[in-house]
Amino acid sequence: MGYNEDMAETDAPSLQPGESRSNDSGERRGCSAGGRLVQLRRRVAEPGFVVVADAEPRPEVPTEVITTEWAVANAAFDRLMKEY
């Protein structure tokens, strides 16, 4: 999860549960309600976005969402921030 220069891994420990930050391009990094790192970033190899949570996957809530839609990516980020 850590190739984003504007949002270094060192930012993650400073985030409180439920808090998120975004960079100039709209990519987001947050600390979920349960203290897990959640990140929304632009894909490099193909158009679109990926949202990931640093957590054990659960059948009802995926830890990764890949989409070409900005609104879907933001909704997934918000959902993972609450669920994990």
N, C-alpha and C. Protein backbone atom coordinates (compact mmCIF):
# COMPACT_ATOMS: atom_id res chain seq x y z
N MET A 1 0.80 -1.20 0.00
CA MET A 1 0.00 0.00 0.00
C MET A 1 0.83 1.26 0.00
N GLY A 2 2.10 1.21 -0.20
CA GLY A 2 2.85 2.40 0.08
C GLY A 2 3.64 3.00 -1.04
N TYR A 3 3.10 3.26 -2.22
CA TYR A 3 3.89 3.92 -3.22
C TYR A 3 3.48 5.37 -3.41
N ASN A 4 2.63 5.87 -2.60
CA ASN A 4 2.13 7.23 -2.70
C ASN A 4 3.08 8.21 -2.05
N GLU A 5 3.76 9.04 -2.83
CA GLU A 5 4.74 9.97 -2.28
C GLU A 5 4.09 11.04 -1.41
N ASP A 6 2.90 11.51 -1.79
CA ASP A 6 2.25 12.58 -1.04
C ASP A 6 1.67 12.11 0.28
N MET A 7 1.47 10.83 0.43
CA MET A 7 0.85 10.29 1.63
C MET A 7 1.74 9.17 2.15
N ALA A 8 2.83 9.52 2.74
CA ALA A 8 3.82 8.55 3.18
C ALA A 8 3.25 7.63 4.25
N GLU A 9 3.80 6.43 4.35
CA GLU A 9 3.39 5.47 5.37
C GLU A 9 3.52 6.05 6.76
N THR A 10 4.44 6.97 6.96
CA THR A 10 4.63 7.55 8.28
C THR A 10 3.43 8.38 8.72
N ASP A 11 2.55 8.77 7.80
CA ASP A 11 1.34 9.52 8.16
C ASP A 11 0.33 8.63 8.89
N ALA A 12 0.33 7.35 8.58
CA ALA A 12 -0.69 6.46 9.11
C ALA A 12 -0.74 6.43 10.64
N PRO A 13 0.39 6.33 11.36
CA PRO A 13 0.30 6.29 12.81
C PRO A 13 -0.25 7.57 13.43
N SER A 14 -0.16 8.69 12.73
CA SER A 14 -0.66 9.95 13.28
C SER A 14 -2.16 10.11 13.13
N LEU A 15 -2.79 9.24 12.36
CA LEU A 15 -4.24 9.32 12.18
C LEU A 15 -4.96 8.63 13.34
N GLN A 16 -6.02 9.25 13.80
CA GLN A 16 -6.86 8.68 14.84
C GLN A 16 -7.95 7.83 14.19
N PRO A 17 -8.50 6.83 14.89
CA PRO A 17 -9.59 6.04 14.31
C PRO A 17 -10.72 6.94 13.81
N GLY A 18 -11.12 6.69 12.57
CA GLY A 18 -12.18 7.47 11.94
C GLY A 18 -11.67 8.69 11.18
N GLU A 19 -10.39 8.98 11.26
CA GLU A 19 -9.81 10.16 10.61
C GLU A 19 -9.22 9.78 9.25
N SER A 20 -9.34 10.68 8.28
CA SER A 20 -8.73 10.45 6.97
C SER A 20 -8.16 11.75 6.44
N ARG A 21 -7.23 11.60 5.51
CA ARG A 21 -6.61 12.74 4.85
C ARG A 21 -6.60 12.47 3.35
N SER A 22 -6.62 13.54 2.58
CA SER A 22 -6.52 13.37 1.13
C SER A 22 -5.39 14.26 0.61
N ASN A 23 -4.85 13.87 -0.54
CA ASN A 23 -3.80 14.69 -1.15
C ASN A 23 -4.41 15.54 -2.26
N ASP A 24 -3.58 16.26 -2.97
CA ASP A 24 -4.05 17.19 -4.01
C ASP A 24 -4.81 16.51 -5.14
N SER A 25 -4.51 15.24 -5.41
CA SER A 25 -5.19 14.54 -6.50
C SER A 25 -6.45 13.81 -6.02
N GLY A 26 -6.78 13.95 -4.74
CA GLY A 26 -8.00 13.33 -4.23
C GLY A 26 -7.81 11.94 -3.64
N GLU A 27 -6.59 11.39 -3.74
CA GLU A 27 -6.34 10.09 -3.12
C GLU A 27 -6.47 10.25 -1.62
N ARG A 28 -6.97 9.20 -0.96
CA ARG A 28 -7.26 9.29 0.46
C ARG A 28 -6.56 8.19 1.24
N ARG A 29 -6.20 8.51 2.48
CA ARG A 29 -5.63 7.55 3.43
C ARG A 29 -6.34 7.80 4.76
N GLY A 30 -6.74 6.72 5.41
CA GLY A 30 -7.44 6.89 6.68
C GLY A 30 -7.16 5.77 7.65
N CYS A 31 -7.58 6.01 8.88
CA CYS A 31 -7.51 5.01 9.93
C CYS A 31 -8.96 4.63 10.24
N SER A 32 -9.30 3.37 10.01
CA SER A 32 -10.69 2.93 10.18
C SER A 32 -11.13 3.01 11.63
N ALA A 33 -12.40 2.80 11.86
CA ALA A 33 -12.95 2.80 13.21
C ALA A 33 -12.24 1.78 14.10
N GLY A 34 -11.77 0.69 13.51
CA GLY A 34 -11.07 -0.34 14.25
C GLY A 34 -9.56 -0.19 14.25
N GLY A 35 -9.05 0.92 13.72
CA GLY A 35 -7.62 1.19 13.74
C GLY A 35 -6.84 0.63 12.56
N ARG A 36 -7.52 0.24 11.50
CA ARG A 36 -6.84 -0.31 10.31
C ARG A 36 -6.60 0.77 9.28
N LEU A 37 -5.49 0.65 8.54
CA LEU A 37 -5.16 1.58 7.47
C LEU A 37 -6.06 1.30 6.26
N VAL A 38 -6.67 2.36 5.72
CA VAL A 38 -7.52 2.26 4.52
C VAL A 38 -6.98 3.30 3.53
N GLN A 39 -6.85 2.90 2.27
CA GLN A 39 -6.30 3.81 1.27
C GLN A 39 -7.08 3.73 -0.03
N LEU A 40 -7.34 4.89 -0.62
CA LEU A 40 -7.92 5.01 -1.95
C LEU A 40 -6.85 5.66 -2.81
N ARG A 41 -6.47 5.01 -3.90
CA ARG A 41 -5.45 5.58 -4.77
C ARG A 41 -5.81 5.34 -6.23
N ARG A 42 -5.22 6.13 -7.09
CA ARG A 42 -5.39 5.95 -8.53
C ARG A 42 -4.56 4.76 -8.97
N ARG A 43 -5.07 4.01 -9.93
CA ARG A 43 -4.31 2.90 -10.49
C ARG A 43 -3.25 3.44 -11.42
N VAL A 44 -2.13 2.75 -11.50
CA VAL A 44 -1.02 3.19 -12.34
C VAL A 44 -1.05 2.50 -13.70
N ALA A 45 -1.23 1.21 -13.70
CA ALA A 45 -1.15 0.44 -14.95
C ALA A 45 -2.38 0.60 -15.83
N GLU A 46 -3.52 0.84 -15.24
CA GLU A 46 -4.77 0.97 -15.98
C GLU A 46 -5.58 2.12 -15.38
N PRO A 47 -6.54 2.65 -16.14
CA PRO A 47 -7.39 3.71 -15.59
C PRO A 47 -8.25 3.16 -14.44
N GLY A 48 -8.48 3.98 -13.46
CA GLY A 48 -9.36 3.59 -12.37
C GLY A 48 -8.75 3.84 -11.01
N PHE A 49 -9.36 3.20 -10.02
CA PHE A 49 -9.01 3.43 -8.63
C PHE A 49 -9.00 2.10 -7.89
N VAL A 50 -8.21 2.05 -6.83
CA VAL A 50 -8.21 0.88 -5.97
C VAL A 50 -8.35 1.37 -4.53
N VAL A 51 -9.18 0.67 -3.77
CA VAL A 51 -9.37 0.96 -2.36
C VAL A 51 -8.98 -0.30 -1.61
N VAL A 52 -8.10 -0.17 -0.62
CA VAL A 52 -7.64 -1.33 0.14
C VAL A 52 -7.68 -1.03 1.63
N ALA A 53 -7.92 -2.08 2.40
CA ALA A 53 -7.86 -2.00 3.86
C ALA A 53 -6.82 -2.99 4.34
N ASP A 54 -6.00 -2.58 5.27
CA ASP A 54 -4.97 -3.43 5.85
C ASP A 54 -5.62 -4.24 6.98
N ALA A 55 -6.37 -5.26 6.57
CA ALA A 55 -7.12 -6.07 7.54
C ALA A 55 -7.33 -7.47 6.99
N GLU A 56 -7.68 -8.39 7.86
CA GLU A 56 -8.04 -9.74 7.44
C GLU A 56 -9.38 -9.66 6.70
N PRO A 57 -9.47 -10.23 5.50
CA PRO A 57 -10.74 -10.17 4.77
C PRO A 57 -11.84 -10.95 5.49
N ARG A 58 -13.05 -10.45 5.35
CA ARG A 58 -14.23 -11.13 5.86
C ARG A 58 -15.15 -11.39 4.68
N PRO A 59 -15.90 -12.49 4.69
CA PRO A 59 -16.75 -12.81 3.54
C PRO A 59 -17.73 -11.70 3.16
N GLU A 60 -18.25 -11.00 4.13
CA GLU A 60 -19.27 -9.99 3.83
C GLU A 60 -18.69 -8.62 3.47
N VAL A 61 -17.39 -8.41 3.74
CA VAL A 61 -16.76 -7.11 3.45
C VAL A 61 -15.39 -7.36 2.82
N PRO A 62 -15.23 -7.04 1.54
CA PRO A 62 -13.92 -7.24 0.89
C PRO A 62 -12.89 -6.24 1.44
N THR A 63 -11.63 -6.58 1.34
CA THR A 63 -10.57 -5.65 1.76
C THR A 63 -9.99 -4.90 0.58
N GLU A 64 -10.46 -5.21 -0.64
CA GLU A 64 -9.97 -4.51 -1.83
C GLU A 64 -11.11 -4.31 -2.82
N VAL A 65 -11.20 -3.11 -3.35
CA VAL A 65 -12.19 -2.78 -4.38
C VAL A 65 -11.43 -2.10 -5.51
N ILE A 66 -11.62 -2.59 -6.73
CA ILE A 66 -11.04 -1.98 -7.92
C ILE A 66 -12.18 -1.51 -8.80
N THR A 67 -12.14 -0.26 -9.23
CA THR A 67 -13.23 0.32 -10.00
C THR A 67 -12.70 1.41 -10.93
N THR A 68 -13.48 1.74 -11.94
CA THR A 68 -13.14 2.87 -12.80
C THR A 68 -13.95 4.11 -12.41
N GLU A 69 -14.88 3.96 -11.48
CA GLU A 69 -15.76 5.05 -11.08
C GLU A 69 -15.30 5.71 -9.78
N TRP A 70 -15.11 7.03 -9.84
CA TRP A 70 -14.68 7.80 -8.68
C TRP A 70 -15.70 7.69 -7.53
N ALA A 71 -16.97 7.79 -7.82
CA ALA A 71 -18.00 7.73 -6.78
C ALA A 71 -18.01 6.36 -6.09
N VAL A 72 -17.81 5.29 -6.85
CA VAL A 72 -17.76 3.95 -6.28
C VAL A 72 -16.54 3.81 -5.38
N ALA A 73 -15.42 4.35 -5.80
CA ALA A 73 -14.20 4.29 -4.98
C ALA A 73 -14.38 5.03 -3.67
N ASN A 74 -14.97 6.21 -3.71
CA ASN A 74 -15.20 6.97 -2.48
C ASN A 74 -16.17 6.27 -1.55
N ALA A 75 -17.23 5.68 -2.12
CA ALA A 75 -18.19 4.95 -1.29
C ALA A 75 -17.53 3.73 -0.64
N ALA A 76 -16.67 3.04 -1.39
CA ALA A 76 -15.96 1.88 -0.84
C ALA A 76 -15.02 2.32 0.28
N PHE A 77 -14.33 3.43 0.09
CA PHE A 77 -13.43 3.95 1.13
C PHE A 77 -14.23 4.22 2.41
N ASP A 78 -15.35 4.92 2.27
CA ASP A 78 -16.18 5.24 3.45
C ASP A 78 -16.70 3.97 4.13
N ARG A 79 -17.09 2.97 3.34
CA ARG A 79 -17.60 1.71 3.89
C ARG A 79 -16.50 0.97 4.66
N LEU A 80 -15.29 0.89 4.07
CA LEU A 80 -14.20 0.20 4.74
C LEU A 80 -13.76 0.94 6.00
N MET A 81 -13.85 2.25 5.99
CA MET A 81 -13.52 3.04 7.19
C MET A 81 -14.46 2.68 8.34
N LYS A 82 -15.71 2.36 8.04
CA LYS A 82 -16.69 2.00 9.08
C LYS A 82 -16.62 0.53 9.45
N GLU A 83 -16.46 -0.34 8.46
CA GLU A 83 -16.54 -1.79 8.67
C GLU A 83 -15.30 -2.38 9.33
N TYR A 84 -14.14 -1.80 9.08
CA TYR A 84 -12.91 -2.36 9.64
C TYR A 84 -12.38 -1.46 10.74
